C-alpha atoms as a PDB file:
ATOM      1  CA  MET A   1      95.034 111.552 138.265  1.00  0.00           C
ATOM      2  CA  SER A   2      92.824 108.763 136.952  1.00  0.00           C
ATOM      3  CA  LEU A   3      89.218 109.162 136.044  1.00  0.00           C
ATOM      4  CA  SER A   4      87.155 108.936 139.249  1.00  0.00           C
ATOM      5  CA  ALA A   5      84.587 106.186 139.383  1.00  0.00           C
ATOM      6  CA  GLU A   6      81.887 108.871 139.519  1.00  0.00           C
ATOM      7  CA  LEU A   7      83.038 110.664 136.374  1.00  0.00           C
ATOM      8  CA  ALA A   8      83.610 107.409 134.533  1.00  0.00           C
ATOM      9  CA  GLY A   9      80.098 106.306 135.444  1.00  0.00           C
ATOM     10  CA  GLN A  10      78.655 109.603 134.294  1.00  0.00           C
ATOM     11  CA  ILE A  11      80.410 109.419 130.965  1.00  0.00           C
ATOM     12  CA  LEU A  12      79.310 105.864 130.308  1.00  0.00           C
ATOM     13  CA  GLU A  13      75.737 106.645 131.386  1.00  0.00           C
ATOM     14  CA  PHE A  14      75.688 109.679 129.111  1.00  0.00           C
ATOM     15  CA  VAL A  15      76.941 107.616 126.180  1.00  0.00           C
ATOM     16  CA  GLU A  16      74.368 104.886 126.756  1.00  0.00           C
ATOM     17  CA  LYS A  17      71.432 107.217 127.138  1.00  0.00           C
ATOM     18  CA  ASN A  18      72.402 109.325 124.132  1.00  0.00           C
ATOM     19  CA  ARG A  19      74.039 106.728 121.865  1.00  0.00           C
ATOM     20  CA  GLY A  20      71.438 107.314 119.151  1.00  0.00           C
ATOM     21  CA  SER A  21      71.682 111.123 119.308  1.00  0.00           C
ATOM     22  CA  ILE A  22      75.288 111.965 120.138  1.00  0.00           C
ATOM     23  CA  PRO A  23      76.257 114.438 117.423  1.00  0.00           C
ATOM     24  CA  VAL A  24      78.440 112.066 115.477  1.00  0.00           C
ATOM     25  CA  TRP A  25      76.183 111.865 112.450  1.00  0.00           C
ATOM     26  CA  ASP A  26      73.949 114.677 111.185  1.00  0.00           C
ATOM     27  CA  LYS A  27      70.566 114.070 109.479  1.00  0.00           C
ATOM     28  CA  THR A  28      72.006 113.987 105.970  1.00  0.00           C
ATOM     29  CA  THR A  29      74.558 111.415 107.104  1.00  0.00           C
ATOM     30  CA  ASN A  30      71.915 109.157 108.565  1.00  0.00           C
ATOM     31  CA  ARG A  31      69.774 109.412 105.440  1.00  0.00           C
ATOM     32  CA  VAL A  32      72.634 108.640 103.023  1.00  0.00           C
ATOM     33  CA  SER A  33      73.894 105.808 105.216  1.00  0.00           C
ATOM     34  CA  ALA A  34      70.442 104.275 105.406  1.00  0.00           C
ATOM     35  CA  LEU A  35      69.945 104.661 101.640  1.00  0.00           C
ATOM     36  CA  LEU A  36      73.259 103.083 100.819  1.00  0.00           C
ATOM     37  CA  SER A  37      72.464 100.022 102.957  1.00  0.00           C
ATOM     38  CA  HIS A  38      69.060  99.562 101.253  1.00  0.00           C
ATOM     39  CA  GLU A  39      69.104  96.893  98.536  1.00  0.00           C
ATOM     40  CA  LYS A  40      66.584  98.690  96.333  1.00  0.00           C
ATOM     41  CA  ALA A  41      68.153 102.155  96.526  1.00  0.00           C
ATOM     42  CA  SER A  42      68.385 103.853  93.162  1.00  0.00           C
ATOM     43  CA  VAL A  43      71.144 105.932  91.674  1.00  0.00           C
ATOM     44  CA  LYS A  44      68.703 108.805  91.316  1.00  0.00           C
ATOM     45  CA  GLU A  45      67.704 108.722  95.007  1.00  0.00           C
ATOM     46  CA  LEU A  46      71.360 108.737  96.070  1.00  0.00           C
ATOM     47  CA  THR A  47      72.257 111.438  93.556  1.00  0.00           C
ATOM     48  CA  ASP A  48      69.455 113.719  94.742  1.00  0.00           C
ATOM     49  CA  LEU A  49      70.594 113.348  98.360  1.00  0.00           C
ATOM     50  CA  ILE A  50      74.319 113.798  97.745  1.00  0.00           C
ATOM     51  CA  GLU A  51      73.687 116.904  95.689  1.00  0.00           C
ATOM     52  CA  THR A  52      72.241 118.590  98.796  1.00  0.00           C
ATOM     53  CA  ASP A  53      75.854 118.595 100.217  1.00  0.00           C
ATOM     54  CA  PRO A  54      78.184 120.492  97.852  1.00  0.00           C
ATOM     55  CA  VAL A  55      81.330 119.431  99.713  1.00  0.00           C
ATOM     56  CA  LEU A  56      80.424 115.768  99.534  1.00  0.00           C
ATOM     57  CA  ALA A  57      79.379 116.066  95.912  1.00  0.00           C
ATOM     58  CA  THR A  58      82.759 117.564  95.043  1.00  0.00           C
ATOM     59  CA  ARG A  59      84.601 114.777  96.856  1.00  0.00           C
ATOM     60  CA  ILE A  60      82.588 112.095  95.035  1.00  0.00           C
ATOM     61  CA  LEU A  61      83.436 113.670  91.643  1.00  0.00           C
ATOM     62  CA  ASN A  62      87.089 114.023  92.570  1.00  0.00           C
ATOM     63  CA  GLN A  63      87.260 110.368  93.543  1.00  0.00           C
ATOM     64  CA  ALA A  64      85.531 109.241  90.324  1.00  0.00           C
ATOM     65  CA  ASN A  65      88.086 111.195  88.320  1.00  0.00           C
ATOM     66  CA  SER A  66      91.106 110.148  90.394  1.00  0.00           C
ATOM     67  CA  PRO A  67      93.809 107.910  88.813  1.00  0.00           C
ATOM     68  CA  ALA A  68      92.409 104.833  90.580  1.00  0.00           C
ATOM     69  CA  TYR A  69      89.005 105.108  88.845  1.00  0.00           C
ATOM     70  CA  ALA A  70      89.369 107.548  85.933  1.00  0.00           C
ATOM     71  CA  GLY A  71      88.237 106.344  82.525  1.00  0.00           C
ATOM     72  CA  ALA A  72      88.475 107.901  79.084  1.00  0.00           C
ATOM     73  CA  VAL A  73      85.699 110.376  79.884  1.00  0.00           C
ATOM     74  CA  LYS A  74      85.791 112.783  82.801  1.00  0.00           C
ATOM     75  CA  MET A  75      82.770 112.469  85.130  1.00  0.00           C
ATOM     76  CA  LYS A  76      80.899 115.751  85.526  1.00  0.00           C
ATOM     77  CA  THR A  77      77.707 114.571  87.160  1.00  0.00           C
ATOM     78  CA  ILE A  78      77.046 112.732  90.462  1.00  0.00           C
ATOM     79  CA  ASP A  79      74.879 110.000  88.883  1.00  0.00           C
ATOM     80  CA  ARG A  80      77.606 109.041  86.471  1.00  0.00           C
ATOM     81  CA  ALA A  81      80.250 109.179  89.244  1.00  0.00           C
ATOM     82  CA  ILE A  82      78.136 106.803  91.360  1.00  0.00           C
ATOM     83  CA  MET A  83      77.835 104.368  88.413  1.00  0.00           C
ATOM     84  CA  ARG A  84      81.615 104.431  87.900  1.00  0.00           C
ATOM     85  CA  LEU A  85      82.500 104.045  91.565  1.00  0.00           C
ATOM     86  CA  GLY A  86      79.749 101.628  92.698  1.00  0.00           C
ATOM     87  CA  PHE A  87      77.564 101.930  95.774  1.00  0.00           C
ATOM     88  CA  GLU A  88      80.110 100.387  98.156  1.00  0.00           C
ATOM     89  CA  THR A  89      82.888 102.791  97.217  1.00  0.00           C
ATOM     90  CA  VAL A  90      80.511 105.755  97.466  1.00  0.00           C
ATOM     91  CA  ARG A  91      79.383 104.574 100.922  1.00  0.00           C
ATOM     92  CA  ASN A  92      82.965 104.287 102.162  1.00  0.00           C
ATOM     93  CA  LEU A  93      84.006 107.614 100.741  1.00  0.00           C
ATOM     94  CA  PHE A  94      80.872 109.211 102.166  1.00  0.00           C
ATOM     95  CA  LEU A  95      81.460 107.835 105.681  1.00  0.00           C
ATOM     96  CA  THR A  96      85.133 108.815 105.527  1.00  0.00           C
ATOM     97  CA  SER A  97      84.180 112.322 104.499  1.00  0.00           C
ATOM     98  CA  MET A  98      81.679 112.631 107.363  1.00  0.00           C
ATOM     99  CA  LEU A  99      84.070 111.243 110.006  1.00  0.00           C
ATOM    100  CA  LYS A 100      86.794 113.711 109.070  1.00  0.00           C
ATOM    101  CA  ASP A 101      85.127 116.692 110.707  1.00  0.00           C
ATOM    102  CA  ILE A 102      82.670 115.296 113.231  1.00  0.00           C
ATOM    103  CA  PHE A 103      84.388 116.539 116.382  1.00  0.00           C
ATOM    104  CA  LYS A 104      86.160 119.875 116.872  1.00  0.00           C
ATOM    105  CA  PRO A 105      87.553 119.916 120.435  1.00  0.00           C
ATOM    106  CA  LYS A 106      89.285 122.973 121.838  1.00  0.00           C
ATOM    107  CA  HIS A 107      91.255 121.401 124.676  1.00  0.00           C
ATOM    108  CA  PRO A 108      94.770 120.341 123.546  1.00  0.00           C
ATOM    109  CA  ILE A 109      94.538 116.849 125.066  1.00  0.00           C
ATOM    110  CA  LEU A 110      91.215 116.092 123.437  1.00  0.00           C
ATOM    111  CA  LYS A 111      92.401 117.624 120.159  1.00  0.00           C
ATOM    112  CA  GLU A 112      95.508 115.433 120.120  1.00  0.00           C
ATOM    113  CA  CYS A 113      93.488 112.317 120.929  1.00  0.00           C
ATOM    114  CA  TYR A 114      91.088 113.114 118.109  1.00  0.00           C
ATOM    115  CA  LYS A 115      93.962 113.739 115.683  1.00  0.00           C
ATOM    116  CA  ILE A 116      95.541 110.388 116.487  1.00  0.00           C
ATOM    117  CA  TRP A 117      92.113 108.628 116.330  1.00  0.00           C
ATOM    118  CA  TRP A 118      91.460 110.011 112.861  1.00  0.00           C
ATOM    119  CA  LYS A 119      94.886 108.990 111.500  1.00  0.00           C
ATOM    120  CA  HIS A 120      94.576 105.558 113.099  1.00  0.00           C
ATOM    121  CA  SER A 121      91.076 104.955 111.688  1.00  0.00           C
ATOM    122  CA  LEU A 122      91.924 106.105 108.206  1.00  0.00           C
ATOM    123  CA  SER A 123      95.213 104.129 108.204  1.00  0.00           C
ATOM    124  CA  CYS A 124      93.402 101.015 109.391  1.00  0.00           C
ATOM    125  CA  ALA A 125      90.765 101.421 106.678  1.00  0.00           C
ATOM    126  CA  VAL A 126      93.363 101.847 103.909  1.00  0.00           C
ATOM    127  CA  GLY A 127      95.546  99.062 105.235  1.00  0.00           C
ATOM    128  CA  SER A 128      92.631  96.616 105.644  1.00  0.00           C
ATOM    129  CA  ARG A 129      91.518  97.206 102.083  1.00  0.00           C
ATOM    130  CA  SER A 130      95.067  96.703 100.806  1.00  0.00           C
ATOM    131  CA  LEU A 131      95.450  93.502 102.823  1.00  0.00           C
ATOM    132  CA  ALA A 132      92.148  92.043 101.579  1.00  0.00           C
ATOM    133  CA  GLU A 133      93.294  92.646  97.983  1.00  0.00           C
ATOM    134  CA  HIS A 134      96.744  91.208  98.702  1.00  0.00           C
ATOM    135  CA  ILE A 135      95.320  87.863  99.868  1.00  0.00           C
ATOM    136  CA  GLY A 136      93.124  87.645  96.772  1.00  0.00           C
ATOM    137  CA  LYS A 137      89.869  88.638  98.472  1.00  0.00           C
ATOM    138  CA  GLY A 138      89.076  91.791  96.563  1.00  0.00           C
ATOM    139  CA  GLU A 139      85.340  91.025  96.945  1.00  0.00           C
ATOM    140  CA  ILE A 140      85.557  91.919 100.690  1.00  0.00           C
ATOM    141  CA  ALA A 141      88.001  94.815 100.285  1.00  0.00           C
ATOM    142  CA  GLY A 142      85.253  97.407 100.624  1.00  0.00           C
ATOM    143  CA  GLU A 143      83.874  95.777 103.761  1.00  0.00           C
ATOM    144  CA  ALA A 144      87.384  95.512 105.180  1.00  0.00           C
ATOM    145  CA  TYR A 145      87.836  99.237 104.608  1.00  0.00           C
ATOM    146  CA  LEU A 146      84.555  99.987 106.365  1.00  0.00           C
ATOM    147  CA  ILE A 147      85.423  97.948 109.441  1.00  0.00           C
ATOM    148  CA  GLY A 148      88.863  99.497 109.617  1.00  0.00           C
ATOM    149  CA  LEU A 149      87.308 102.917 109.433  1.00  0.00           C
ATOM    150  CA  LEU A 150      84.649 102.308 112.101  1.00  0.00           C
ATOM    151  CA  HIS A 151      86.309  99.939 114.556  1.00  0.00           C
ATOM    152  CA  ASP A 152      87.361 102.761 116.888  1.00  0.00           C
ATOM    153  CA  MET A 153      84.098 104.689 116.624  1.00  0.00           C
ATOM    154  CA  GLY A 154      83.770 104.477 120.400  1.00  0.00           C
ATOM    155  CA  VAL A 155      86.833 106.665 120.794  1.00  0.00           C
ATOM    156  CA  VAL A 156      85.273 109.747 119.245  1.00  0.00           C
ATOM    157  CA  VAL A 157      81.975 109.093 121.082  1.00  0.00           C
ATOM    158  CA  ILE A 158      83.848 109.067 124.409  1.00  0.00           C
ATOM    159  CA  LEU A 159      85.756 112.244 123.463  1.00  0.00           C
ATOM    160  CA  THR A 160      82.439 113.890 122.665  1.00  0.00           C
ATOM    161  CA  ALA A 161      81.063 112.852 126.048  1.00  0.00           C
ATOM    162  CA  ILE A 162      84.130 114.064 127.935  1.00  0.00           C
ATOM    163  CA  ASP A 163      83.957 117.367 126.075  1.00  0.00           C
ATOM    164  CA  HIS A 164      80.365 117.610 127.279  1.00  0.00           C
ATOM    165  CA  PHE A 165      81.264 117.062 130.924  1.00  0.00           C
ATOM    166  CA  CYS A 166      84.520 119.028 131.029  1.00  0.00           C
ATOM    167  CA  LYS A 167      83.613 122.303 129.306  1.00  0.00           C
ATOM    168  CA  ASP A 168      85.975 124.435 131.378  1.00  0.00           C
ATOM    169  CA  GLY A 169      88.967 122.293 130.530  1.00  0.00           C
ATOM    170  CA  GLU A 170      90.301 122.123 134.062  1.00  0.00           C
ATOM    171  CA  MET A 171      88.964 118.609 134.647  1.00  0.00           C
ATOM    172  CA  VAL A 172      90.717 117.363 131.485  1.00  0.00           C
ATOM    173  CA  ASP A 173      93.956 118.855 132.774  1.00  0.00           C
ATOM    174  CA  GLU A 174      93.442 117.070 136.107  1.00  0.00           C
ATOM    175  CA  ILE A 175      92.700 113.733 134.443  1.00  0.00           C
ATOM    176  CA  GLY A 176      95.711 113.985 132.155  1.00  0.00           C
ATOM    177  CA  ASP A 177      96.539 112.427 128.806  1.00  0.00           C
ATOM    178  CA  ALA A 178      97.716 109.043 130.088  1.00  0.00           C
ATOM    179  CA  ALA A 179      94.639 108.374 132.282  1.00  0.00           C
ATOM    180  CA  LEU A 180      92.314 109.524 129.506  1.00  0.00           C
ATOM    181  CA  ARG A 181      93.923 107.158 127.004  1.00  0.00           C
ATOM    182  CA  GLU A 182      93.695 104.259 129.433  1.00  0.00           C
ATOM    183  CA  PHE A 183      89.997 104.913 130.041  1.00  0.00           C
ATOM    184  CA  ILE A 184      89.376 105.062 126.294  1.00  0.00           C
ATOM    185  CA  HIS A 185      91.322 101.839 125.744  1.00  0.00           C
ATOM    186  CA  GLU A 186      89.263  99.979 128.332  1.00  0.00           C
ATOM    187  CA  THR A 187      85.807 101.167 127.209  1.00  0.00           C
ATOM    188  CA  HIS A 188      85.754 102.231 123.566  1.00  0.00           C
ATOM    189  CA  ALA A 189      85.183  98.854 121.909  1.00  0.00           C
ATOM    190  CA  ARG A 190      81.818  98.047 123.467  1.00  0.00           C
ATOM    191  CA  ILE A 191      80.738 101.682 123.280  1.00  0.00           C
ATOM    192  CA  GLY A 192      81.548 101.737 119.583  1.00  0.00           C
ATOM    193  CA  ALA A 193      79.599  98.552 118.956  1.00  0.00           C
ATOM    194  CA  SER A 194      76.668  99.962 120.891  1.00  0.00           C
ATOM    195  CA  VAL A 195      76.643 103.135 118.808  1.00  0.00           C
ATOM    196  CA  LEU A 196      76.923 101.211 115.534  1.00  0.00           C
ATOM    197  CA  SER A 197      73.987  99.097 116.690  1.00  0.00           C
ATOM    198  CA  SER A 198      71.860 102.213 117.185  1.00  0.00           C
ATOM    199  CA  MET A 199      72.803 103.197 113.648  1.00  0.00           C
ATOM    200  CA  HIS A 200      71.706  99.789 112.294  1.00  0.00           C
ATOM    201  CA  PHE A 201      75.051  98.606 111.023  1.00  0.00           C
ATOM    202  CA  ASP A 202      75.403  94.912 110.215  1.00  0.00           C
ATOM    203  CA  GLY A 203      75.521  92.619 113.273  1.00  0.00           C
ATOM    204  CA  LYS A 204      78.800  91.023 112.172  1.00  0.00           C
ATOM    205  CA  ILE A 205      80.470  94.448 112.023  1.00  0.00           C
ATOM    206  CA  GLN A 206      79.153  95.208 115.519  1.00  0.00           C
ATOM    207  CA  LYS A 207      80.606  91.967 116.889  1.00  0.00           C
ATOM    208  CA  ILE A 208      84.023  92.543 115.283  1.00  0.00           C
ATOM    209  CA  VAL A 209      84.111  96.050 116.692  1.00  0.00           C
ATOM    210  CA  ALA A 210      82.928  94.932 120.167  1.00  0.00           C
ATOM    211  CA  THR A 211      85.734  92.358 120.487  1.00  0.00           C
ATOM    212  CA  HIS A 212      88.601  93.975 118.644  1.00  0.00           C
ATOM    213  CA  THR A 213      90.450  94.745 121.913  1.00  0.00           C
ATOM    214  CA  THR A 214      89.578  91.299 123.346  1.00  0.00           C
ATOM    215  CA  PRO A 215      89.951  89.153 120.164  1.00  0.00           C
ATOM    216  CA  ASP A 216      89.757  85.827 121.984  1.00  0.00           C
ATOM    217  CA  ASP A 217      86.113  86.642 122.634  1.00  0.00           C
ATOM    218  CA  TYR A 218      85.226  86.729 118.967  1.00  0.00           C
ATOM    219  CA  GLU A 219      83.234  83.592 118.113  1.00  0.00           C
ATOM    220  CA  THR A 220      84.594  82.902 114.620  1.00  0.00           C
ATOM    221  CA  GLN A 221      88.388  83.028 114.769  1.00  0.00           C
ATOM    222  CA  THR A 222      88.708  82.009 111.146  1.00  0.00           C
ATOM    223  CA  ASP A 223      86.686  84.953 109.849  1.00  0.00           C
ATOM    224  CA  LEU A 224      88.728  86.832 107.258  1.00  0.00           C
ATOM    225  CA  LEU A 225      87.474  90.337 108.139  1.00  0.00           C
ATOM    226  CA  PHE A 226      88.220  89.710 111.821  1.00  0.00           C
ATOM    227  CA  ASN A 227      91.787  88.605 111.086  1.00  0.00           C
ATOM    228  CA  ILE A 228      92.431  91.416 108.652  1.00  0.00           C
ATOM    229  CA  LEU A 229      91.368  94.016 111.246  1.00  0.00           C
ATOM    230  CA  GLN A 230      93.533  92.384 113.915  1.00  0.00           C
ATOM    231  CA  VAL A 231      96.646  92.472 111.686  1.00  0.00           C
ATOM    232  CA  GLU A 232      96.180  96.099 110.743  1.00  0.00           C
ATOM    233  CA  ASN A 233      95.213  97.277 114.209  1.00  0.00           C
ATOM    234  CA  ASN A 234      98.271  95.620 115.699  1.00  0.00           C
ATOM    235  CA  LEU A 235     100.529  96.892 112.927  1.00  0.00           C
ATOM    236  CA  LEU A 236      99.450 100.459 113.724  1.00  0.00           C
ATOM    237  CA  ALA A 237     100.007  99.820 117.426  1.00  0.00           C
ATOM    238  CA  LYS A 238     103.576  98.713 116.623  1.00  0.00           C
ATOM    239  CA  THR A 239     104.242 101.765 114.469  1.00  0.00           C
ATOM    240  CA  GLY A 240     102.707 104.135 117.035  1.00  0.00           C
ATOM    241  CA  ILE A 241      99.732 105.327 114.984  1.00  0.00           C
ATOM    242  CA  THR A 242      97.334 104.736 117.864  1.00  0.00           C
ATOM    243  CA  LEU A 243      96.304 105.995 121.275  1.00  0.00           C
ATOM    244  CA  HIS A 244      97.746 102.833 122.833  1.00  0.00           C
ATOM    245  CA  PRO A 245     101.120 102.092 121.141  1.00  0.00           C
ATOM    246  CA  ASN A 246     103.009  98.823 121.514  1.00  0.00           C
ATOM    247  CA  PRO A 247     106.408  99.160 119.764  1.00  0.00           C
ATOM    248  CA  GLY A 248     107.657  95.745 120.985  1.00  0.00           C
ATOM    249  CA  LEU A 249     104.882  93.815 119.248  1.00  0.00           C
ATOM    250  CA  SER A 250     105.964  91.071 116.833  1.00  0.00           C
ATOM    251  CA  ILE A 251     103.451  91.173 113.957  1.00  0.00           C
ATOM    252  CA  MET A 252     104.756  87.932 112.368  1.00  0.00           C
ATOM    253  CA  ASN A 253     104.120  85.983 115.571  1.00  0.00           C
ATOM    254  CA  LEU A 254     100.477  86.984 115.797  1.00  0.00           C
ATOM    255  CA  PRO A 255      97.976  84.156 115.071  1.00  0.00           C
ATOM    256  CA  TYR A 256      96.102  86.468 112.646  1.00  0.00           C
ATOM    257  CA  THR A 257      99.252  87.077 110.568  1.00  0.00           C
ATOM    258  CA  GLN A 258      99.861  83.349 110.465  1.00  0.00           C
ATOM    259  CA  PHE A 259      96.265  82.513 109.617  1.00  0.00           C
ATOM    260  CA  LEU A 260      96.364  84.854 106.619  1.00  0.00           C
ATOM    261  CA  ASN A 261      99.780  83.409 105.646  1.00  0.00           C
ATOM    262  CA  LEU A 262     101.403  86.855 105.293  1.00  0.00           C
ATOM    263  CA  ASP A 263     105.042  87.115 104.358  1.00  0.00           C
ATOM    264  CA  PRO A 264     107.455  89.471 106.195  1.00  0.00           C
ATOM    265  CA  VAL A 265     108.152  91.527 103.062  1.00  0.00           C
ATOM    266  CA  PHE A 266     104.486  92.422 102.632  1.00  0.00           C
ATOM    267  CA  VAL A 267     104.097  93.316 106.304  1.00  0.00           C
ATOM    268  CA  ALA A 268     107.217  95.528 106.119  1.00  0.00           C
ATOM    269  CA  LEU A 269     105.918  97.301 102.977  1.00  0.00           C
ATOM    270  CA  GLN A 270     102.468  97.891 104.443  1.00  0.00           C
ATOM    271  CA  GLU A 271     103.640 100.807 106.576  1.00  0.00           C
ATOM    272  CA  VAL A 272     105.087 102.666 103.548  1.00  0.00           C
ATOM    273  CA  GLU A 273     102.033 101.891 101.372  1.00  0.00           C
ATOM    274  CA  ILE A 274      99.621 103.049 104.066  1.00  0.00           C
ATOM    275  CA  GLU A 275     101.418 106.365 104.413  1.00  0.00           C
ATOM    276  CA  ASP A 276     101.258 106.952 100.640  1.00  0.00           C
ATOM    277  CA  SER A 277      97.616 105.946 100.357  1.00  0.00           C
ATOM    278  CA  LEU A 278      96.766 108.015 103.412  1.00  0.00           C
ATOM    279  CA  GLU A 279      98.336 111.111 101.883  1.00  0.00           C
ATOM    280  CA  ASN A 280      96.353 110.656  98.653  1.00  0.00           C
ATOM    281  CA  LEU A 281      93.085 110.146 100.549  1.00  0.00           C
ATOM    282  CA  GLU A 282      93.710 113.169 102.786  1.00  0.00           C
ATOM    283  CA  GLN A 283      94.239 115.329  99.690  1.00  0.00           C
ATOM    284  CA  LEU A 284      90.986 114.031  98.262  1.00  0.00           C
ATOM    285  CA  LEU A 285      89.121 114.886 101.494  1.00  0.00           C
ATOM    286  CA  ALA A 286      90.680 118.372 101.794  1.00  0.00           C
END
């Protein structure tokens, strides 16, 4: 069974009417996100807010003391951890931490979709950051991570809406996994961009998210962040870490791969490196 036009319309209407209040972010998340995007935010303001969430505070300290960032002195306070990591890294770790547990579906189909979405988003974030660094653009690595993390935000919003409409689970069974994935594939990009707009994310990020499934529609084809996301998103489609796999895809023939002048060895190694980085990040977020 496919989604009926009526149900599809109800879901899209629900998302549009509630895009600013769908329980994806809690109040603390909104406050920290807003503070991190404010140019004049102080370390003290951010410290005071993070310390209201013991789990997040622990994760920030763990990251600051991880091999990637650890210095001679172990960080024991949030303010010092923020100064070591930098605002951008704290923002990305914070958003990653919040996304990890935002949706707890009970139905097996929704649960599996959410599990795949989370692994895909985290893999895309890690891979995008690695790719930015590989091409010598470390200054945009943090932003590349953020876009990789958020580009499929529409997926979890749709899953939340479907969970709202199909509480008894029977309707999800009738729709089936394949039809649900197809509906998500067709609608999640613009929904994700709409939700990010309501959360006041940068307009460029919104545009990249809105067009990531229809890349020819993106107005600046030479944009590095756009090309990085396309390479990583397609690489994960080829390897099957996605709701819409495409195992026959040739990554080296993609215009984005060619634009970034990537060599086959790096592309081949990306899959292994992503898995290793993913495992380390998952341990940090546990």
